[in-house]
Amino acid sequence: MLRPKVPTMPQPTGFVTPPAAVEPTTAVHHIPAVSAPTAPAPASTRPTVQLTPGAVVALVGSGTAVVLVVGAVLVSMLLAVAITGASVAICALVIRSLITSEAKRR
């Protein structure tokens, strides 16, 4: 019912030419001519980033908020793992005590 369909390789269309033979050639080294010194590049016309005191306070505040939120999420995940581990341990103790008390009654 669920069988994968394997694609078939289509036949090549058009003319197929064999690769041309490559013949070795000798390397020719060119010595570059001495060029005149170039002028330095013009200064960029893009404006530089300037932070106002309000922008700095906003950046620090948002960074602090991100750190606090990520920290709270990580601590809550750690707490969830700890609670799950403790509950599994308690369940294991209860099951073990039930099994041993049942075995002593027989």
Foldseek 3Di string as FASTA:
>chain_A
DDDDDDDDDDDDDDDDDDDDDDDDDDDDDDDDDDDDDDDDDDDDPDDDDDADPVNVVVVVVVVVVVVVVVVVVVVVVVVVVVVVVVVVVVVVVVVVVVVVVVVVVD
